[in-house]
Amino acid sequence: MRFYKYILIGLILIKTTFCFTQDVEPRRWSILPVNSQIIGAGYANSFGEVLFDPLLEAEDVSVNVSTIVTSYIRSFRLGNKLARIDVTVPYNFIRFEGTLSGNPASLYRNGFGDSRIRFSVNLNGPPPGTIKDIQKFNAEHPVNTIFGASLAVNLPTGQYFDEKLINIGQNQIVIRPQFGMVHTWQSWSYELTGSIFIFTNNNNFFGGKTKKQDPILALQSHLIKRFSSKLWASISASYGIGGESVVNNVSNADLRTNLLSALSTGLKISKRQNLKFVFLNSTTLKDLGSNTNSIIVGWSHIFF
């Protein structure tokens, strides 16, 4: 019975990874100069509570996740459209603490998370050009709407051990088609993006089991204000539902429903360098899941 209880607790802890899978990313459809390259690095700290079924006797459980992220972006011409490739690699430090049947308990993991590759293309807007071409387009079209499409793939490159229930990597591929738009008027922009997360099976789940997961549907929106050529800020919201998992044809009854909200600001500190600051809140709308806050700091350097 004790072993079974630990398995149940492990399965529920795995559900908390949803709040790190779903994201809130403003300005994802921004126009970049063609053939530009961007390198970036960031740090995120997420902390909060994990909610369990009372029958498991796990109480006052908290989670703290520190993540170091490196990224690379390259824009290029695809016919007469502007396209880009994004590559992101995270390294995570995760700690759970709480009580199990009234006794203190904790769990710690650290290692590389699953990397992500994202391909995107602007379906309309200005043809690929230099930064001066972009400035000219914005001056001639102070009110404009741009549509974009993308395909992001999370690769199972993260740390994973089949003998452990709790892992940093998911040992499955996550495919995420996206379609979005950004409407700009003067110094304001509004973005809306829909996504679907499609999960391949984890055929090497704990104990040699097979884990399947239903798709997650997510919608995110952003209202962005540009104060000057050096400063912008946004308020964002995202809603996601789905992702119920099945292990060896037995449902875990773990439908996810999350609401994310964020405040972001970007600051240009030199001709080619930028800083970004984000406060993110993730709230589960179910009795099981996690409620967390995240503080994120990022740096980027662009090469034309």
C-alpha atoms as a PDB file:
ATOM      1  CA  MET A   1       0.000   0.000   0.000  1.00  0.00           C
ATOM      2  CA  ARG A   2       2.849   2.367   0.850  1.00  0.00           C
ATOM      3  CA  PHE A   3       4.492   1.775  -2.535  1.00  0.00           C
ATOM      4  CA  TYR A   4       1.177   2.338  -4.320  1.00  0.00           C
ATOM      5  CA  LYS A   5       0.743   5.628  -2.462  1.00  0.00           C
ATOM      6  CA  TYR A   6       4.141   6.839  -3.637  1.00  0.00           C
ATOM      7  CA  ILE A   7       3.246   5.935  -7.227  1.00  0.00           C
ATOM      8  CA  LEU A   8       0.056   7.995  -7.003  1.00  0.00           C
ATOM      9  CA  ILE A   9       1.931  10.937  -5.558  1.00  0.00           C
ATOM     10  CA  GLY A  10       4.509  10.685  -8.339  1.00  0.00           C
ATOM     11  CA  LEU A  11       1.858  10.706 -11.021  1.00  0.00           C
ATOM     12  CA  ILE A  12       0.262  13.833  -9.587  1.00  0.00           C
ATOM     13  CA  LEU A  13       3.591  15.613  -9.268  1.00  0.00           C
ATOM     14  CA  ILE A  14       4.199  14.952 -12.952  1.00  0.00           C
ATOM     15  CA  LYS A  15       1.010  16.908 -13.688  1.00  0.00           C
ATOM     16  CA  THR A  16       2.653  20.064 -12.426  1.00  0.00           C
ATOM     17  CA  THR A  17       4.886  20.084 -15.514  1.00  0.00           C
ATOM     18  CA  PHE A  18       1.886  21.438 -17.462  1.00  0.00           C
ATOM     19  CA  CYS A  19       2.401  24.895 -16.002  1.00  0.00           C
ATOM     20  CA  PHE A  20       5.893  24.888 -17.530  1.00  0.00           C
ATOM     21  CA  THR A  21       4.735  23.477 -20.883  1.00  0.00           C
ATOM     22  CA  GLN A  22       2.097  26.092 -21.524  1.00  0.00           C
ATOM     23  CA  ASP A  23       3.728  29.490 -22.083  1.00  0.00           C
ATOM     24  CA  VAL A  24       2.907  33.173 -22.456  1.00  0.00           C
ATOM     25  CA  GLU A  25       5.165  34.789 -25.047  1.00  0.00           C
ATOM     26  CA  PRO A  26       4.335  38.286 -26.323  1.00  0.00           C
ATOM     27  CA  ARG A  27       5.745  39.636 -29.602  1.00  0.00           C
ATOM     28  CA  ARG A  28       6.219  36.175 -31.082  1.00  0.00           C
ATOM     29  CA  TRP A  29       5.093  37.503 -34.483  1.00  0.00           C
ATOM     30  CA  SER A  30       7.407  40.540 -34.446  1.00  0.00           C
ATOM     31  CA  ILE A  31       9.060  41.418 -37.756  1.00  0.00           C
ATOM     32  CA  LEU A  32      12.824  40.824 -37.742  1.00  0.00           C
ATOM     33  CA  PRO A  33      15.398  42.060 -40.256  1.00  0.00           C
ATOM     34  CA  VAL A  34      16.097  39.305 -42.766  1.00  0.00           C
ATOM     35  CA  ASN A  35      19.225  37.187 -42.091  1.00  0.00           C
ATOM     36  CA  SER A  36      19.541  38.507 -38.546  1.00  0.00           C
ATOM     37  CA  GLN A  37      20.668  36.270 -35.700  1.00  0.00           C
ATOM     38  CA  ILE A  38      19.810  36.566 -32.010  1.00  0.00           C
ATOM     39  CA  ILE A  39      21.487  34.837 -29.094  1.00  0.00           C
ATOM     40  CA  GLY A  40      19.854  34.936 -25.691  1.00  0.00           C
ATOM     41  CA  ALA A  41      20.112  33.748 -22.110  1.00  0.00           C
ATOM     42  CA  GLY A  42      17.651  33.913 -19.270  1.00  0.00           C
ATOM     43  CA  TYR A  43      16.849  32.865 -15.729  1.00  0.00           C
ATOM     44  CA  ALA A  44      13.427  31.921 -14.356  1.00  0.00           C
ATOM     45  CA  ASN A  45      12.385  31.100 -10.803  1.00  0.00           C
ATOM     46  CA  SER A  46       8.962  29.483 -10.321  1.00  0.00           C
ATOM     47  CA  PHE A  47       7.537  28.810  -6.865  1.00  0.00           C
ATOM     48  CA  GLY A  48       4.196  27.914  -5.348  1.00  0.00           C
ATOM     49  CA  GLU A  49       1.967  25.145  -4.042  1.00  0.00           C
ATOM     50  CA  VAL A  50       0.993  21.721  -5.325  1.00  0.00           C
ATOM     51  CA  LEU A  51      -2.563  20.516  -4.666  1.00  0.00           C
ATOM     52  CA  PHE A  52      -3.213  16.820  -3.967  1.00  0.00           C
ATOM     53  CA  ASP A  53      -6.156  14.542  -3.442  1.00  0.00           C
ATOM     54  CA  PRO A  54      -6.625  14.552   0.390  1.00  0.00           C
ATOM     55  CA  LEU A  55      -6.696  10.729   0.363  1.00  0.00           C
ATOM     56  CA  LEU A  56      -2.982  10.738  -0.453  1.00  0.00           C
ATOM     57  CA  GLU A  57      -2.162  12.430   2.875  1.00  0.00           C
ATOM     58  CA  ALA A  58       0.297  14.770   1.149  1.00  0.00           C
ATOM     59  CA  GLU A  59      -0.054  18.267   2.593  1.00  0.00           C
ATOM     60  CA  ASP A  60       1.611  21.684   2.474  1.00  0.00           C
ATOM     61  CA  VAL A  61       3.546  20.671  -0.623  1.00  0.00           C
ATOM     62  CA  SER A  62       5.561  23.414  -2.285  1.00  0.00           C
ATOM     63  CA  VAL A  63       7.580  23.436  -5.493  1.00  0.00           C
ATOM     64  CA  ASN A  64      10.529  25.606  -6.452  1.00  0.00           C
ATOM     65  CA  VAL A  65      11.983  25.500  -9.959  1.00  0.00           C
ATOM     66  CA  SER A  66      15.014  27.447 -11.156  1.00  0.00           C
ATOM     67  CA  THR A  67      15.651  27.365 -14.895  1.00  0.00           C
ATOM     68  CA  ILE A  68      18.576  28.645 -16.946  1.00  0.00           C
ATOM     69  CA  VAL A  69      17.711  29.010 -20.630  1.00  0.00           C
ATOM     70  CA  THR A  70      19.883  29.603 -23.689  1.00  0.00           C
ATOM     71  CA  SER A  71      18.339  30.427 -27.064  1.00  0.00           C
ATOM     72  CA  TYR A  72      19.220  31.085 -30.685  1.00  0.00           C
ATOM     73  CA  ILE A  73      17.043  32.726 -33.371  1.00  0.00           C
ATOM     74  CA  ARG A  74      17.750  33.170 -37.068  1.00  0.00           C
ATOM     75  CA  SER A  75      15.482  34.920 -39.562  1.00  0.00           C
ATOM     76  CA  PHE A  76      15.603  34.163 -43.287  1.00  0.00           C
ATOM     77  CA  ARG A  77      13.778  34.573 -46.572  1.00  0.00           C
ATOM     78  CA  LEU A  78      11.281  31.872 -47.546  1.00  0.00           C
ATOM     79  CA  GLY A  79      10.143  32.864 -51.025  1.00  0.00           C
ATOM     80  CA  ASN A  80       8.733  36.349 -50.502  1.00  0.00           C
ATOM     81  CA  LYS A  81       7.898  35.645 -46.834  1.00  0.00           C
ATOM     82  CA  LEU A  82       9.857  36.263 -43.655  1.00  0.00           C
ATOM     83  CA  ALA A  83      10.567  33.098 -41.668  1.00  0.00           C
ATOM     84  CA  ARG A  84      12.578  32.264 -38.560  1.00  0.00           C
ATOM     85  CA  ILE A  85      13.970  29.361 -36.579  1.00  0.00           C
ATOM     86  CA  ASP A  86      14.096  29.418 -32.754  1.00  0.00           C
ATOM     87  CA  VAL A  87      16.100  26.937 -30.663  1.00  0.00           C
ATOM     88  CA  THR A  88      15.753  26.852 -26.858  1.00  0.00           C
ATOM     89  CA  VAL A  89      17.672  24.685 -24.372  1.00  0.00           C
ATOM     90  CA  PRO A  90      16.762  24.771 -20.627  1.00  0.00           C
ATOM     91  CA  TYR A  91      18.585  23.493 -17.544  1.00  0.00           C
ATOM     92  CA  ASN A  92      16.391  22.958 -14.481  1.00  0.00           C
ATOM     93  CA  PHE A  93      16.748  22.704 -10.709  1.00  0.00           C
ATOM     94  CA  ILE A  94      13.499  21.390  -9.142  1.00  0.00           C
ATOM     95  CA  ARG A  95      12.640  20.836  -5.478  1.00  0.00           C
ATOM     96  CA  PHE A  96       9.417  19.571  -3.877  1.00  0.00           C
ATOM     97  CA  GLU A  97       8.893  19.851  -0.111  1.00  0.00           C
ATOM     98  CA  GLY A  98       5.950  18.962   2.119  1.00  0.00           C
ATOM     99  CA  THR A  99       4.575  16.320   4.449  1.00  0.00           C
ATOM    100  CA  LEU A 100       3.518  12.749   3.679  1.00  0.00           C
ATOM    101  CA  SER A 101       1.255  11.132   6.316  1.00  0.00           C
ATOM    102  CA  GLY A 102       2.405  13.851   8.711  1.00  0.00           C
ATOM    103  CA  ASN A 103       6.130  13.247   8.106  1.00  0.00           C
ATOM    104  CA  PRO A 104       8.445  15.716   6.324  1.00  0.00           C
ATOM    105  CA  ALA A 105       9.330  14.691   2.761  1.00  0.00           C
ATOM    106  CA  SER A 106      11.282  16.259  -0.090  1.00  0.00           C
ATOM    107  CA  LEU A 107      12.418  15.537  -3.641  1.00  0.00           C
ATOM    108  CA  TYR A 108      15.170  17.197  -5.705  1.00  0.00           C
ATOM    109  CA  ARG A 109      16.095  16.939  -9.377  1.00  0.00           C
ATOM    110  CA  ASN A 110      18.471  18.888 -11.622  1.00  0.00           C
ATOM    111  CA  GLY A 111      19.472  18.476 -15.248  1.00  0.00           C
ATOM    112  CA  PHE A 112      18.750  19.496 -18.821  1.00  0.00           C
ATOM    113  CA  GLY A 113      15.119  19.843 -19.823  1.00  0.00           C
ATOM    114  CA  ASP A 114      13.683  19.014 -23.222  1.00  0.00           C
ATOM    115  CA  SER A 115      14.949  21.330 -25.965  1.00  0.00           C
ATOM    116  CA  ARG A 116      12.556  23.101 -28.350  1.00  0.00           C
ATOM    117  CA  ILE A 117      12.839  23.959 -32.039  1.00  0.00           C
ATOM    118  CA  ARG A 118      10.278  26.306 -33.543  1.00  0.00           C
ATOM    119  CA  PHE A 119       9.796  27.246 -37.196  1.00  0.00           C
ATOM    120  CA  SER A 120       7.506  30.189 -37.980  1.00  0.00           C
ATOM    121  CA  VAL A 121       6.560  32.266 -41.005  1.00  0.00           C
ATOM    122  CA  ASN A 122       4.708  35.551 -41.391  1.00  0.00           C
ATOM    123  CA  LEU A 123       1.919  34.941 -43.883  1.00  0.00           C
ATOM    124  CA  ASN A 124       1.580  38.597 -44.877  1.00  0.00           C
ATOM    125  CA  GLY A 125       3.123  41.955 -44.047  1.00  0.00           C
ATOM    126  CA  PRO A 126       6.287  43.450 -45.500  1.00  0.00           C
ATOM    127  CA  PRO A 127       8.604  41.320 -47.642  1.00  0.00           C
ATOM    128  CA  PRO A 128      11.889  40.293 -46.013  1.00  0.00           C
ATOM    129  CA  GLY A 129      14.084  43.369 -45.657  1.00  0.00           C
ATOM    130  CA  THR A 130      16.540  45.339 -43.574  1.00  0.00           C
ATOM    131  CA  ILE A 131      15.768  47.217 -40.390  1.00  0.00           C
ATOM    132  CA  LYS A 132      15.338  50.396 -42.465  1.00  0.00           C
ATOM    133  CA  ASP A 133      12.783  48.592 -44.644  1.00  0.00           C
ATOM    134  CA  ILE A 134      10.852  47.603 -41.509  1.00  0.00           C
ATOM    135  CA  GLN A 135      10.917  51.153 -40.186  1.00  0.00           C
ATOM    136  CA  LYS A 136       9.660  52.422 -43.541  1.00  0.00           C
ATOM    137  CA  PHE A 137       6.807  49.869 -43.534  1.00  0.00           C
ATOM    138  CA  ASN A 138       5.739  50.862 -40.011  1.00  0.00           C
ATOM    139  CA  ALA A 139       5.786  54.552 -40.935  1.00  0.00           C
ATOM    140  CA  GLU A 140       3.677  53.952 -44.062  1.00  0.00           C
ATOM    141  CA  HIS A 141       1.325  51.493 -42.313  1.00  0.00           C
ATOM    142  CA  PRO A 142       0.690  52.801 -38.761  1.00  0.00           C
ATOM    143  CA  VAL A 143      -2.344  50.505 -38.652  1.00  0.00           C
ATOM    144  CA  ASN A 144      -1.735  46.962 -39.916  1.00  0.00           C
ATOM    145  CA  THR A 145      -2.544  43.320 -39.207  1.00  0.00           C
ATOM    146  CA  ILE A 146      -0.077  40.475 -39.687  1.00  0.00           C
ATOM    147  CA  PHE A 147      -0.892  36.759 -39.577  1.00  0.00           C
ATOM    148  CA  GLY A 148       1.600  34.021 -38.836  1.00  0.00           C
ATOM    149  CA  ALA A 149       1.875  30.252 -38.514  1.00  0.00           C
ATOM    150  CA  SER A 150       4.438  28.113 -36.743  1.00  0.00           C
ATOM    151  CA  LEU A 151       5.350  24.587 -35.757  1.00  0.00           C
ATOM    152  CA  ALA A 152       7.232  23.998 -32.511  1.00  0.00           C
ATOM    153  CA  VAL A 153       8.679  20.627 -31.499  1.00  0.00           C
ATOM    154  CA  ASN A 154       9.892  19.692 -28.013  1.00  0.00           C
ATOM    155  CA  LEU A 155      12.547  16.993 -28.346  1.00  0.00           C
ATOM    156  CA  PRO A 156      13.146  14.323 -25.642  1.00  0.00           C
ATOM    157  CA  THR A 157      16.668  15.545 -24.880  1.00  0.00           C
ATOM    158  CA  GLY A 158      16.022  16.199 -21.182  1.00  0.00           C
ATOM    159  CA  GLN A 159      17.262  14.096 -18.278  1.00  0.00           C
ATOM    160  CA  TYR A 160      15.145  10.958 -17.959  1.00  0.00           C
ATOM    161  CA  PHE A 161      15.468   7.725 -15.958  1.00  0.00           C
ATOM    162  CA  ASP A 162      12.900   4.993 -16.539  1.00  0.00           C
ATOM    163  CA  GLU A 163      13.311   3.745 -12.960  1.00  0.00           C
ATOM    164  CA  LYS A 164      12.129   7.110 -11.570  1.00  0.00           C
ATOM    165  CA  LEU A 165       8.618   8.489 -11.581  1.00  0.00           C
ATOM    166  CA  ILE A 166       9.667  12.121 -11.367  1.00  0.00           C
ATOM    167  CA  ASN A 167      11.850  13.297 -14.238  1.00  0.00           C
ATOM    168  CA  ILE A 168      12.871  16.585 -15.789  1.00  0.00           C
ATOM    169  CA  GLY A 169      12.538  15.302 -19.345  1.00  0.00           C
ATOM    170  CA  GLN A 170       9.254  13.867 -20.630  1.00  0.00           C
ATOM    171  CA  ASN A 171      10.732  11.126 -22.862  1.00  0.00           C
ATOM    172  CA  GLN A 172       8.214  12.018 -25.560  1.00  0.00           C
ATOM    173  CA  ILE A 173       7.995  14.389 -28.485  1.00  0.00           C
ATOM    174  CA  VAL A 174       5.581  17.307 -28.156  1.00  0.00           C
ATOM    175  CA  ILE A 175       4.411  18.803 -31.468  1.00  0.00           C
ATOM    176  CA  ARG A 176       2.752  22.217 -31.292  1.00  0.00           C
ATOM    177  CA  PRO A 177       1.165  23.815 -34.369  1.00  0.00           C
ATOM    178  CA  GLN A 178       0.290  27.498 -33.874  1.00  0.00           C
ATOM    179  CA  PHE A 179      -1.633  30.134 -35.743  1.00  0.00           C
ATOM    180  CA  GLY A 180      -1.752  33.764 -34.680  1.00  0.00           C
ATOM    181  CA  MET A 181      -2.132  37.392 -35.549  1.00  0.00           C
ATOM    182  CA  VAL A 182      -0.935  40.780 -34.372  1.00  0.00           C
ATOM    183  CA  HIS A 183      -2.909  43.966 -34.990  1.00  0.00           C
ATOM    184  CA  THR A 184      -0.937  47.208 -34.618  1.00  0.00           C
ATOM    185  CA  TRP A 185      -2.268  50.723 -34.369  1.00  0.00           C
ATOM    186  CA  GLN A 186       0.156  53.534 -33.632  1.00  0.00           C
ATOM    187  CA  SER A 187       2.075  52.540 -30.491  1.00  0.00           C
ATOM    188  CA  TRP A 188      -0.331  49.729 -29.499  1.00  0.00           C
ATOM    189  CA  SER A 189      -0.477  46.086 -30.577  1.00  0.00           C
ATOM    190  CA  TYR A 190      -2.826  43.203 -29.835  1.00  0.00           C
ATOM    191  CA  GLU A 191      -1.774  39.591 -30.349  1.00  0.00           C
ATOM    192  CA  LEU A 192      -3.865  36.422 -30.346  1.00  0.00           C
ATOM    193  CA  THR A 193      -2.386  32.937 -30.794  1.00  0.00           C
ATOM    194  CA  GLY A 194      -3.978  29.489 -30.722  1.00  0.00           C
ATOM    195  CA  SER A 195      -1.962  26.317 -30.134  1.00  0.00           C
ATOM    196  CA  ILE A 196      -2.487  22.590 -29.887  1.00  0.00           C
ATOM    197  CA  PHE A 197       0.007  20.379 -28.027  1.00  0.00           C
ATOM    198  CA  ILE A 198       0.206  16.860 -29.496  1.00  0.00           C
ATOM    199  CA  PHE A 199       2.085  14.255 -27.436  1.00  0.00           C
ATOM    200  CA  THR A 200       3.706  11.077 -28.677  1.00  0.00           C
ATOM    201  CA  ASN A 201       3.616   8.037 -26.378  1.00  0.00           C
ATOM    202  CA  ASN A 202       6.190   7.501 -23.653  1.00  0.00           C
ATOM    203  CA  ASN A 203       6.882   3.795 -24.206  1.00  0.00           C
ATOM    204  CA  ASN A 204       9.456   3.627 -21.416  1.00  0.00           C
ATOM    205  CA  PHE A 205       7.427   5.005 -18.534  1.00  0.00           C
ATOM    206  CA  PHE A 206       8.112   3.939 -14.947  1.00  0.00           C
ATOM    207  CA  GLY A 207       8.111   0.155 -14.585  1.00  0.00           C
ATOM    208  CA  GLY A 208       8.128  -0.509 -18.325  1.00  0.00           C
ATOM    209  CA  LYS A 209       4.671   0.982 -18.820  1.00  0.00           C
ATOM    210  CA  THR A 210       3.296   2.986 -21.745  1.00  0.00           C
ATOM    211  CA  LYS A 211       2.006   6.484 -21.048  1.00  0.00           C
ATOM    212  CA  LYS A 212      -0.338   8.207 -23.491  1.00  0.00           C
ATOM    213  CA  GLN A 213      -1.530  11.784 -23.266  1.00  0.00           C
ATOM    214  CA  ASP A 214      -4.425  13.617 -24.884  1.00  0.00           C
ATOM    215  CA  PRO A 215      -3.744  16.910 -26.718  1.00  0.00           C
ATOM    216  CA  ILE A 216      -3.828  20.256 -24.926  1.00  0.00           C
ATOM    217  CA  LEU A 217      -5.613  23.214 -26.502  1.00  0.00           C
ATOM    218  CA  ALA A 218      -4.319  26.667 -25.547  1.00  0.00           C
ATOM    219  CA  LEU A 219      -5.182  30.242 -26.417  1.00  0.00           C
ATOM    220  CA  GLN A 220      -3.098  33.269 -25.449  1.00  0.00           C
ATOM    221  CA  SER A 221      -3.533  36.998 -25.952  1.00  0.00           C
ATOM    222  CA  HIS A 222      -1.366  40.054 -25.366  1.00  0.00           C
ATOM    223  CA  LEU A 223      -1.945  43.778 -25.245  1.00  0.00           C
ATOM    224  CA  ILE A 224       1.337  45.574 -25.931  1.00  0.00           C
ATOM    225  CA  LYS A 225       2.239  49.250 -25.522  1.00  0.00           C
ATOM    226  CA  ARG A 226       5.386  50.682 -27.112  1.00  0.00           C
ATOM    227  CA  PHE A 227       6.482  53.736 -25.119  1.00  0.00           C
ATOM    228  CA  SER A 228       9.530  54.514 -27.239  1.00  0.00           C
ATOM    229  CA  SER A 229      11.998  52.790 -29.520  1.00  0.00           C
ATOM    230  CA  LYS A 230      13.711  51.501 -26.363  1.00  0.00           C
ATOM    231  CA  LEU A 231      10.837  50.484 -24.087  1.00  0.00           C
ATOM    232  CA  TRP A 232       7.689  48.339 -24.354  1.00  0.00           C
ATOM    233  CA  ALA A 233       5.353  46.606 -21.907  1.00  0.00           C
ATOM    234  CA  SER A 234       2.558  44.040 -22.190  1.00  0.00           C
ATOM    235  CA  ILE A 235      -0.227  42.402 -20.218  1.00  0.00           C
ATOM    236  CA  SER A 236      -0.973  38.808 -21.186  1.00  0.00           C
ATOM    237  CA  ALA A 237      -3.360  35.922 -20.489  1.00  0.00           C
ATOM    238  CA  SER A 238      -3.459  32.281 -21.570  1.00  0.00           C
ATOM    239  CA  TYR A 239      -5.962  29.452 -21.066  1.00  0.00           C
ATOM    240  CA  GLY A 240      -5.267  25.784 -21.639  1.00  0.00           C
ATOM    241  CA  ILE A 241      -7.349  22.619 -21.315  1.00  0.00           C
ATOM    242  CA  GLY A 242      -6.730  18.934 -21.993  1.00  0.00           C
ATOM    243  CA  GLY A 243      -3.773  16.611 -21.528  1.00  0.00           C
ATOM    244  CA  GLU A 244      -5.450  13.751 -19.654  1.00  0.00           C
ATOM    245  CA  SER A 245      -3.007  10.861 -19.413  1.00  0.00           C
ATOM    246  CA  VAL A 246      -3.445   7.095 -19.637  1.00  0.00           C
ATOM    247  CA  VAL A 247      -0.910   4.555 -18.291  1.00  0.00           C
ATOM    248  CA  ASN A 248      -1.247   0.986 -19.592  1.00  0.00           C
ATOM    249  CA  ASN A 249      -4.811   1.783 -20.713  1.00  0.00           C
ATOM    250  CA  VAL A 250      -5.797   3.064 -17.245  1.00  0.00           C
ATOM    251  CA  SER A 251      -6.870   6.715 -17.136  1.00  0.00           C
ATOM    252  CA  ASN A 252      -5.326   8.943 -14.476  1.00  0.00           C
ATOM    253  CA  ALA A 253      -8.375  11.282 -14.547  1.00  0.00           C
ATOM    254  CA  ASP A 254      -5.941  14.206 -14.647  1.00  0.00           C
ATOM    255  CA  LEU A 255      -7.538  16.642 -17.089  1.00  0.00           C
ATOM    256  CA  ARG A 256      -5.553  19.888 -16.951  1.00  0.00           C
ATOM    257  CA  THR A 257      -7.164  23.307 -16.948  1.00  0.00           C
ATOM    258  CA  ASN A 258      -4.777  26.200 -16.370  1.00  0.00           C
ATOM    259  CA  LEU A 259      -5.031  29.959 -16.499  1.00  0.00           C
ATOM    260  CA  LEU A 260      -1.842  31.983 -16.937  1.00  0.00           C
ATOM    261  CA  SER A 261      -1.425  35.747 -16.643  1.00  0.00           C
ATOM    262  CA  ALA A 262       1.698  37.826 -17.075  1.00  0.00           C
ATOM    263  CA  LEU A 263       3.198  41.291 -17.051  1.00  0.00           C
ATOM    264  CA  SER A 264       6.225  41.798 -19.299  1.00  0.00           C
ATOM    265  CA  THR A 265       8.511  44.646 -20.213  1.00  0.00           C
ATOM    266  CA  GLY A 266      11.425  44.966 -22.615  1.00  0.00           C
ATOM    267  CA  LEU A 267      14.233  47.495 -22.496  1.00  0.00           C
ATOM    268  CA  LYS A 268      16.794  48.240 -25.189  1.00  0.00           C
ATOM    269  CA  ILE A 269      20.116  48.861 -23.428  1.00  0.00           C
ATOM    270  CA  SER A 270      22.261  49.357 -26.528  1.00  0.00           C
ATOM    271  CA  LYS A 271      21.929  49.302 -30.307  1.00  0.00           C
ATOM    272  CA  ARG A 272      22.002  45.494 -30.354  1.00  0.00           C
ATOM    273  CA  GLN A 273      21.190  44.365 -26.802  1.00  0.00           C
ATOM    274  CA  ASN A 274      17.887  44.038 -24.942  1.00  0.00           C
ATOM    275  CA  LEU A 275      16.658  43.043 -21.490  1.00  0.00           C
ATOM    276  CA  LYS A 276      13.305  41.477 -20.725  1.00  0.00           C
ATOM    277  CA  PHE A 277      11.512  41.134 -17.371  1.00  0.00           C
ATOM    278  CA  VAL A 278       8.410  38.985 -16.782  1.00  0.00           C
ATOM    279  CA  PHE A 279       6.125  38.221 -13.849  1.00  0.00           C
ATOM    280  CA  LEU A 280       3.995  35.135 -14.567  1.00  0.00           C
ATOM    281  CA  ASN A 281       1.168  33.594 -12.537  1.00  0.00           C
ATOM    282  CA  SER A 282      -0.152  30.087 -13.235  1.00  0.00           C
ATOM    283  CA  THR A 283      -3.400  28.961 -11.593  1.00  0.00           C
ATOM    284  CA  THR A 284      -5.035  25.561 -11.838  1.00  0.00           C
ATOM    285  CA  LEU A 285      -8.813  25.588 -12.218  1.00  0.00           C
ATOM    286  CA  LYS A 286      -9.042  22.042 -10.854  1.00  0.00           C
ATOM    287  CA  ASP A 287      -8.758  20.634  -7.311  1.00  0.00           C
ATOM    288  CA  LEU A 288      -5.487  18.960  -8.321  1.00  0.00           C
ATOM    289  CA  GLY A 289      -2.530  20.717  -9.878  1.00  0.00           C
ATOM    290  CA  SER A 290      -0.346  23.660  -8.928  1.00  0.00           C
ATOM    291  CA  ASN A 291      -0.533  27.387  -8.322  1.00  0.00           C
ATOM    292  CA  THR A 292       2.771  29.114  -9.023  1.00  0.00           C
ATOM    293  CA  ASN A 293       4.380  32.487  -9.587  1.00  0.00           C
ATOM    294  CA  SER A 294       7.417  32.984 -11.812  1.00  0.00           C
ATOM    295  CA  ILE A 295       9.973  35.763 -12.127  1.00  0.00           C
ATOM    296  CA  ILE A 296      11.899  35.753 -15.407  1.00  0.00           C
ATOM    297  CA  VAL A 297      14.866  37.832 -16.563  1.00  0.00           C
ATOM    298  CA  GLY A 298      16.228  37.569 -20.094  1.00  0.00           C
ATOM    299  CA  TRP A 299      19.037  39.086 -22.169  1.00  0.00           C
ATOM    300  CA  SER A 300      19.450  39.049 -25.952  1.00  0.00           C
ATOM    301  CA  HIS A 301      21.951  40.279 -28.545  1.00  0.00           C
ATOM    302  CA  ILE A 302      21.085  40.698 -32.210  1.00  0.00           C
ATOM    303  CA  PHE A 303      23.493  40.433 -35.134  1.00  0.00           C
ATOM    304  CA  PHE A 304      22.401  41.991 -38.457  1.00  0.00           C
END
